Amino acid sequence: FLEAIRKDTPLNSPIHVANYSNHLCHLGNMAQDAGKTLEIDPKTGKVTNHDKAMMAWGREYEEGWAPKLS
């Protein structure tokens, strides 16, 4: 990925595939921290059955520092 940014070399796989892999790792960590199997909404990818696990979904930012998606 970094080589693609720095040297404009092609990626080995589409970036959305890496996103799925990364998301699964995060969900696995959230499930281990929660100590139970989590139910995931297939449309959003968010946990639907455990509020404590969802606390790991995001974070609080200082005013003016929250990332903005456009």
PDB file of N, CA and C in Angstrom:
ATOM      1  N   PHE A   1       0.822  -1.191   0.000  1.00  0.00           N
ATOM      2  CA  PHE A   1       0.000   0.000   0.000  1.00  0.00           C
ATOM      3  C   PHE A   1       0.869   1.259   0.000  1.00  0.00           C
ATOM      4  N   LEU A   2       1.881   1.256   0.859  1.00  0.00           N
ATOM      5  CA  LEU A   2       2.753   2.432   0.920  1.00  0.00           C
ATOM      6  C   LEU A   2       3.540   2.612  -0.368  1.00  0.00           C
ATOM      7  N   GLU A   3       3.977   1.511  -0.977  1.00  0.00           N
ATOM      8  CA  GLU A   3       4.676   1.611  -2.256  1.00  0.00           C
ATOM      9  C   GLU A   3       3.766   2.193  -3.332  1.00  0.00           C
ATOM     10  N   ALA A   4       2.497   1.842  -3.280  1.00  0.00           N
ATOM     11  CA  ALA A   4       1.543   2.385  -4.249  1.00  0.00           C
ATOM     12  C   ALA A   4       1.413   3.895  -4.076  1.00  0.00           C
ATOM     13  N   ILE A   5       1.466   4.361  -2.845  1.00  0.00           N
ATOM     14  CA  ILE A   5       1.369   5.798  -2.595  1.00  0.00           C
ATOM     15  C   ILE A   5       2.667   6.503  -2.974  1.00  0.00           C
ATOM     16  N   ARG A   6       3.785   5.954  -2.528  1.00  0.00           N
ATOM     17  CA  ARG A   6       5.067   6.619  -2.725  1.00  0.00           C
ATOM     18  C   ARG A   6       5.567   6.542  -4.164  1.00  0.00           C
ATOM     19  N   LYS A   7       5.419   5.371  -4.772  1.00  0.00           N
ATOM     20  CA  LYS A   7       6.035   5.148  -6.089  1.00  0.00           C
ATOM     21  C   LYS A   7       5.032   4.880  -7.198  1.00  0.00           C
ATOM     22  N   ASP A   8       3.740   4.982  -6.889  1.00  0.00           N
ATOM     23  CA  ASP A   8       2.685   4.767  -7.878  1.00  0.00           C
ATOM     24  C   ASP A   8       2.732   3.357  -8.472  1.00  0.00           C
ATOM     25  N   THR A   9       3.164   2.369  -7.659  1.00  0.00           N
ATOM     26  CA  THR A   9       3.137   0.976  -8.122  1.00  0.00           C
ATOM     27  C   THR A   9       1.729   0.425  -7.921  1.00  0.00           C
ATOM     28  N   PRO A  10       1.318  -0.522  -8.750  1.00  0.00           N
ATOM     29  CA  PRO A  10      -0.044  -1.061  -8.602  1.00  0.00           C
ATOM     30  C   PRO A  10      -0.203  -1.856  -7.304  1.00  0.00           C
ATOM     31  N   LEU A  11      -1.410  -1.849  -6.775  1.00  0.00           N
ATOM     32  CA  LEU A  11      -1.715  -2.622  -5.573  1.00  0.00           C
ATOM     33  C   LEU A  11      -1.756  -4.108  -5.910  1.00  0.00           C
ATOM     34  N   ASN A  12      -1.446  -4.950  -4.914  1.00  0.00           N
ATOM     35  CA  ASN A  12      -1.519  -6.398  -5.101  1.00  0.00           C
ATOM     36  C   ASN A  12      -2.951  -6.902  -5.108  1.00  0.00           C
ATOM     37  N   SER A  13      -3.835  -6.185  -4.462  1.00  0.00           N
ATOM     38  CA  SER A  13      -5.251  -6.547  -4.435  1.00  0.00           C
ATOM     39  C   SER A  13      -6.063  -5.257  -4.284  1.00  0.00           C
ATOM     40  N   PRO A  14      -7.327  -5.302  -4.642  1.00  0.00           N
ATOM     41  CA  PRO A  14      -8.149  -4.098  -4.508  1.00  0.00           C
ATOM     42  C   PRO A  14      -8.228  -3.641  -3.047  1.00  0.00           C
ATOM     43  N   ILE A  15      -8.260  -2.339  -2.854  1.00  0.00           N
ATOM     44  CA  ILE A  15      -8.244  -1.777  -1.503  1.00  0.00           C
ATOM     45  C   ILE A  15      -9.472  -2.207  -0.702  1.00  0.00           C
ATOM     46  N   HIS A  16     -10.613  -2.433  -1.352  1.00  0.00           N
ATOM     47  CA  HIS A  16     -11.811  -2.833  -0.603  1.00  0.00           C
ATOM     48  C   HIS A  16     -11.644  -4.222   0.017  1.00  0.00           C
ATOM     49  N   VAL A  17     -10.806  -5.079  -0.576  1.00  0.00           N
ATOM     50  CA  VAL A  17     -10.538  -6.397   0.012  1.00  0.00           C
ATOM     51  C   VAL A  17      -9.756  -6.225   1.314  1.00  0.00           C
ATOM     52  N   ALA A  18      -8.795  -5.325   1.316  1.00  0.00           N
ATOM     53  CA  ALA A  18      -8.035  -5.044   2.536  1.00  0.00           C
ATOM     54  C   ALA A  18      -8.943  -4.464   3.606  1.00  0.00           C
ATOM     55  N   ASN A  19      -9.916  -3.657   3.208  1.00  0.00           N
ATOM     56  CA  ASN A  19     -10.859  -3.089   4.163  1.00  0.00           C
ATOM     57  C   ASN A  19     -11.659  -4.189   4.854  1.00  0.00           C
ATOM     58  N   TYR A  20     -12.124  -5.189   4.095  1.00  0.00           N
ATOM     59  CA  TYR A  20     -12.864  -6.303   4.699  1.00  0.00           C
ATOM     60  C   TYR A  20     -11.989  -7.046   5.711  1.00  0.00           C
ATOM     61  N   SER A  21     -10.750  -7.324   5.327  1.00  0.00           N
ATOM     62  CA  SER A  21      -9.838  -8.048   6.222  1.00  0.00           C
ATOM     63  C   SER A  21      -9.584  -7.270   7.501  1.00  0.00           C
ATOM     64  N   ASN A  22      -9.347  -5.977   7.367  1.00  0.00           N
ATOM     65  CA  ASN A  22      -9.088  -5.131   8.522  1.00  0.00           C
ATOM     66  C   ASN A  22     -10.318  -5.060   9.425  1.00  0.00           C
ATOM     67  N   HIS A  23     -11.492  -4.933   8.823  1.00  0.00           N
ATOM     68  CA  HIS A  23     -12.744  -4.851   9.579  1.00  0.00           C
ATOM     69  C   HIS A  23     -12.966  -6.129  10.390  1.00  0.00           C
ATOM     70  N   LEU A  24     -12.698  -7.282   9.779  1.00  0.00           N
ATOM     71  CA  LEU A  24     -12.861  -8.560  10.491  1.00  0.00           C
ATOM     72  C   LEU A  24     -11.914  -8.654  11.685  1.00  0.00           C
ATOM     73  N   CYS A  25     -10.697  -8.161  11.538  1.00  0.00           N
ATOM     74  CA  CYS A  25      -9.750  -8.162  12.665  1.00  0.00           C
ATOM     75  C   CYS A  25     -10.272  -7.296  13.813  1.00  0.00           C
ATOM     76  N   HIS A  26     -10.794  -6.122  13.487  1.00  0.00           N
ATOM     77  CA  HIS A  26     -11.339  -5.244  14.521  1.00  0.00           C
ATOM     78  C   HIS A  26     -12.543  -5.889  15.214  1.00  0.00           C
ATOM     79  N   LEU A  27     -13.428  -6.507  14.425  1.00  0.00           N
ATOM     80  CA  LEU A  27     -14.590  -7.166  15.029  1.00  0.00           C
ATOM     81  C   LEU A  27     -14.159  -8.325  15.924  1.00  0.00           C
ATOM     82  N   GLY A  28     -13.131  -9.062  15.518  1.00  0.00           N
ATOM     83  CA  GLY A  28     -12.614 -10.146  16.349  1.00  0.00           C
ATOM     84  C   GLY A  28     -12.077  -9.633  17.670  1.00  0.00           C
ATOM     85  N   ASN A  29     -11.349  -8.523  17.631  1.00  0.00           N
ATOM     86  CA  ASN A  29     -10.846  -7.914  18.868  1.00  0.00           C
ATOM     87  C   ASN A  29     -11.985  -7.437  19.753  1.00  0.00           C
ATOM     88  N   MET A  30     -13.005  -6.848  19.138  1.00  0.00           N
ATOM     89  CA  MET A  30     -14.155  -6.377  19.906  1.00  0.00           C
ATOM     90  C   MET A  30     -14.872  -7.548  20.573  1.00  0.00           C
ATOM     91  N   ALA A  31     -15.018  -8.664  19.854  1.00  0.00           N
ATOM     92  CA  ALA A  31     -15.682  -9.846  20.413  1.00  0.00           C
ATOM     93  C   ALA A  31     -14.870 -10.429  21.562  1.00  0.00           C
ATOM     94  N   GLN A  32     -13.558 -10.468  21.405  1.00  0.00           N
ATOM     95  CA  GLN A  32     -12.723 -11.013  22.485  1.00  0.00           C
ATOM     96  C   GLN A  32     -12.815 -10.121  23.722  1.00  0.00           C
ATOM     97  N   ASP A  33     -12.773  -8.813  23.533  1.00  0.00           N
ATOM     98  CA  ASP A  33     -12.895  -7.896  24.667  1.00  0.00           C
ATOM     99  C   ASP A  33     -14.258  -8.026  25.343  1.00  0.00           C
ATOM    100  N   ALA A  34     -15.314  -8.234  24.538  1.00  0.00           N
ATOM    101  CA  ALA A  34     -16.670  -8.368  25.082  1.00  0.00           C
ATOM    102  C   ALA A  34     -16.874  -9.728  25.732  1.00  0.00           C
ATOM    103  N   GLY A  35     -16.086 -10.721  25.334  1.00  0.00           N
ATOM    104  CA  GLY A  35     -16.212 -12.057  25.912  1.00  0.00           C
ATOM    105  C   GLY A  35     -17.409 -12.838  25.397  1.00  0.00           C
ATOM    106  N   LYS A  36     -17.911 -12.477  24.223  1.00  0.00           N
ATOM    107  CA  LYS A  36     -19.046 -13.204  23.672  1.00  0.00           C
ATOM    108  C   LYS A  36     -19.087 -13.052  22.157  1.00  0.00           C
ATOM    109  N   THR A  37     -19.906 -13.876  21.532  1.00  0.00           N
ATOM    110  CA  THR A  37     -20.110 -13.796  20.099  1.00  0.00           C
ATOM    111  C   THR A  37     -20.958 -12.566  19.791  1.00  0.00           C
ATOM    112  N   LEU A  38     -20.543 -11.822  18.810  1.00  0.00           N
ATOM    113  CA  LEU A  38     -21.257 -10.599  18.457  1.00  0.00           C
ATOM    114  C   LEU A  38     -22.107 -10.820  17.215  1.00  0.00           C
ATOM    115  N   GLU A  39     -23.240 -10.151  17.187  1.00  0.00           N
ATOM    116  CA  GLU A  39     -24.088 -10.152  15.996  1.00  0.00           C
ATOM    117  C   GLU A  39     -23.779  -8.878  15.221  1.00  0.00           C
ATOM    118  N   ILE A  40     -23.602  -9.020  13.915  1.00  0.00           N
ATOM    119  CA  ILE A  40     -23.199  -7.908  13.072  1.00  0.00           C
ATOM    120  C   ILE A  40     -24.288  -7.612  12.048  1.00  0.00           C
ATOM    121  N   ASP A  41     -24.620  -6.340  11.876  1.00  0.00           N
ATOM    122  CA  ASP A  41     -25.556  -5.917  10.838  1.00  0.00           C
ATOM    123  C   ASP A  41     -24.821  -6.002   9.502  1.00  0.00           C
ATOM    124  N   PRO A  42     -25.279  -6.841   8.575  1.00  0.00           N
ATOM    125  CA  PRO A  42     -24.552  -7.010   7.315  1.00  0.00           C
ATOM    126  C   PRO A  42     -24.531  -5.744   6.443  1.00  0.00           C
ATOM    127  N   LYS A  43     -25.463  -4.844   6.636  1.00  0.00           N
ATOM    128  CA  LYS A  43     -25.487  -3.619   5.829  1.00  0.00           C
ATOM    129  C   LYS A  43     -24.487  -2.580   6.329  1.00  0.00           C
ATOM    130  N   THR A  44     -24.364  -2.450   7.653  1.00  0.00           N
ATOM    131  CA  THR A  44     -23.485  -1.418   8.218  1.00  0.00           C
ATOM    132  C   THR A  44     -22.168  -1.972   8.739  1.00  0.00           C
ATOM    133  N   GLY A  45     -22.124  -3.272   9.041  1.00  0.00           N
ATOM    134  CA  GLY A  45     -20.929  -3.866   9.627  1.00  0.00           C
ATOM    135  C   GLY A  45     -20.785  -3.593  11.106  1.00  0.00           C
ATOM    136  N   LYS A  46     -21.803  -2.978  11.719  1.00  0.00           N
ATOM    137  CA  LYS A  46     -21.730  -2.632  13.141  1.00  0.00           C
ATOM    138  C   LYS A  46     -22.343  -3.731  14.007  1.00  0.00           C
ATOM    139  N   VAL A  47     -21.859  -3.786  15.250  1.00  0.00           N
ATOM    140  CA  VAL A  47     -22.359  -4.744  16.237  1.00  0.00           C
ATOM    141  C   VAL A  47     -23.769  -4.332  16.655  1.00  0.00           C
ATOM    142  N   THR A  48     -24.680  -5.311  16.728  1.00  0.00           N
ATOM    143  CA  THR A  48     -26.072  -4.994  17.064  1.00  0.00           C
ATOM    144  C   THR A  48     -26.490  -5.484  18.444  1.00  0.00           C
ATOM    145  N   ASN A  49     -25.689  -6.325  19.084  1.00  0.00           N
ATOM    146  CA  ASN A  49     -26.168  -6.943  20.317  1.00  0.00           C
ATOM    147  C   ASN A  49     -25.297  -6.674  21.545  1.00  0.00           C
ATOM    148  N   HIS A  50     -24.403  -5.707  21.489  1.00  0.00           N
ATOM    149  CA  HIS A  50     -23.528  -5.501  22.641  1.00  0.00           C
ATOM    150  C   HIS A  50     -23.034  -4.057  22.680  1.00  0.00           C
ATOM    151  N   ASP A  51     -23.585  -3.271  23.599  1.00  0.00           N
ATOM    152  CA  ASP A  51     -23.228  -1.856  23.698  1.00  0.00           C
ATOM    153  C   ASP A  51     -21.771  -1.646  24.102  1.00  0.00           C
ATOM    154  N   LYS A  52     -21.248  -2.513  24.981  1.00  0.00           N
ATOM    155  CA  LYS A  52     -19.857  -2.363  25.414  1.00  0.00           C
ATOM    156  C   LYS A  52     -18.911  -2.537  24.228  1.00  0.00           C
ATOM    157  N   ALA A  53     -19.195  -3.507  23.384  1.00  0.00           N
ATOM    158  CA  ALA A  53     -18.347  -3.714  22.214  1.00  0.00           C
ATOM    159  C   ALA A  53     -18.400  -2.504  21.293  1.00  0.00           C
ATOM    160  N   MET A  54     -19.560  -1.884  21.161  1.00  0.00           N
ATOM    161  CA  MET A  54     -19.698  -0.725  20.295  1.00  0.00           C
ATOM    162  C   MET A  54     -18.934   0.488  20.815  1.00  0.00           C
ATOM    163  N   MET A  55     -18.553   0.465  22.083  1.00  0.00           N
ATOM    164  CA  MET A  55     -17.739   1.559  22.607  1.00  0.00           C
ATOM    165  C   MET A  55     -16.385   1.610  21.903  1.00  0.00           C
ATOM    166  N   ALA A  56     -15.927   0.481  21.373  1.00  0.00           N
ATOM    167  CA  ALA A  56     -14.655   0.420  20.654  1.00  0.00           C
ATOM    168  C   ALA A  56     -14.806   0.853  19.199  1.00  0.00           C
ATOM    169  N   TRP A  57     -16.032   1.147  18.772  1.00  0.00           N
ATOM    170  CA  TRP A  57     -16.278   1.508  17.374  1.00  0.00           C
ATOM    171  C   TRP A  57     -15.711   2.880  17.036  1.00  0.00           C
ATOM    172  N   GLY A  58     -15.727   3.777  17.975  1.00  0.00           N
ATOM    173  CA  GLY A  58     -15.257   5.132  17.699  1.00  0.00           C
ATOM    174  C   GLY A  58     -14.645   5.745  18.938  1.00  0.00           C
ATOM    175  N   ARG A  59     -14.406   7.011  18.870  1.00  0.00           N
ATOM    176  CA  ARG A  59     -13.814   7.709  20.006  1.00  0.00           C
ATOM    177  C   ARG A  59     -14.340   9.125  20.081  1.00  0.00           C
ATOM    178  N   GLU A  60     -14.116   9.760  21.205  1.00  0.00           N
ATOM    179  CA  GLU A  60     -14.501  11.158  21.390  1.00  0.00           C
ATOM    180  C   GLU A  60     -13.310  12.020  20.991  1.00  0.00           C
ATOM    181  N   TYR A  61     -13.579  13.090  20.274  1.00  0.00           N
ATOM    182  CA  TYR A  61     -12.535  14.003  19.830  1.00  0.00           C
ATOM    183  C   TYR A  61     -12.712  15.363  20.496  1.00  0.00           C
ATOM    184  N   GLU A  62     -11.612  16.068  20.642  1.00  0.00           N
ATOM    185  CA  GLU A  62     -11.684  17.455  21.096  1.00  0.00           C
ATOM    186  C   GLU A  62     -12.449  18.257  20.065  1.00  0.00           C
ATOM    187  N   GLU A  63     -13.087  19.301  20.499  1.00  0.00           N
ATOM    188  CA  GLU A  63     -13.884  20.121  19.590  1.00  0.00           C
ATOM    189  C   GLU A  63     -13.011  20.614  18.423  1.00  0.00           C
ATOM    190  N   GLY A  64     -13.535  20.407  17.221  1.00  0.00           N
ATOM    191  CA  GLY A  64     -12.832  20.841  16.012  1.00  0.00           C
ATOM    192  C   GLY A  64     -11.856  19.828  15.443  1.00  0.00           C
ATOM    193  N   TRP A  65     -11.619  18.700  16.134  1.00  0.00           N
ATOM    194  CA  TRP A  65     -10.646  17.713  15.685  1.00  0.00           C
ATOM    195  C   TRP A  65     -11.275  16.450  15.118  1.00  0.00           C
ATOM    196  N   ALA A  66     -12.565  16.336  15.143  1.00  0.00           N
ATOM    197  CA  ALA A  66     -13.229  15.128  14.622  1.00  0.00           C
ATOM    198  C   ALA A  66     -13.025  15.049  13.111  1.00  0.00           C
ATOM    199  N   PRO A  67     -12.658  13.860  12.595  1.00  0.00           N
ATOM    200  CA  PRO A  67     -12.493  13.725  11.148  1.00  0.00           C
ATOM    201  C   PRO A  67     -13.843  13.892  10.444  1.00  0.00           C
ATOM    202  N   LYS A  68     -13.811  14.484   9.277  1.00  0.00           N
ATOM    203  CA  LYS A  68     -15.029  14.695   8.506  1.00  0.00           C
ATOM    204  C   LYS A  68     -14.936  13.922   7.199  1.00  0.00           C
ATOM    205  N   LEU A  69     -15.948  13.123   6.927  1.00  0.00           N
ATOM    206  CA  LEU A  69     -16.003  12.387   5.673  1.00  0.00           C
ATOM    207  C   LEU A  69     -16.809  13.195   4.672  1.00  0.00           C
ATOM    208  N   SER A  70     -16.298  13.271   3.477  1.00  0.00           N
ATOM    209  CA  SER A  70     -17.039  14.021   2.458  1.00  0.00           C
ATOM    210  C   SER A  70     -17.491  13.134   1.336  1.00  0.00           C
TER     211      SER A  70
END
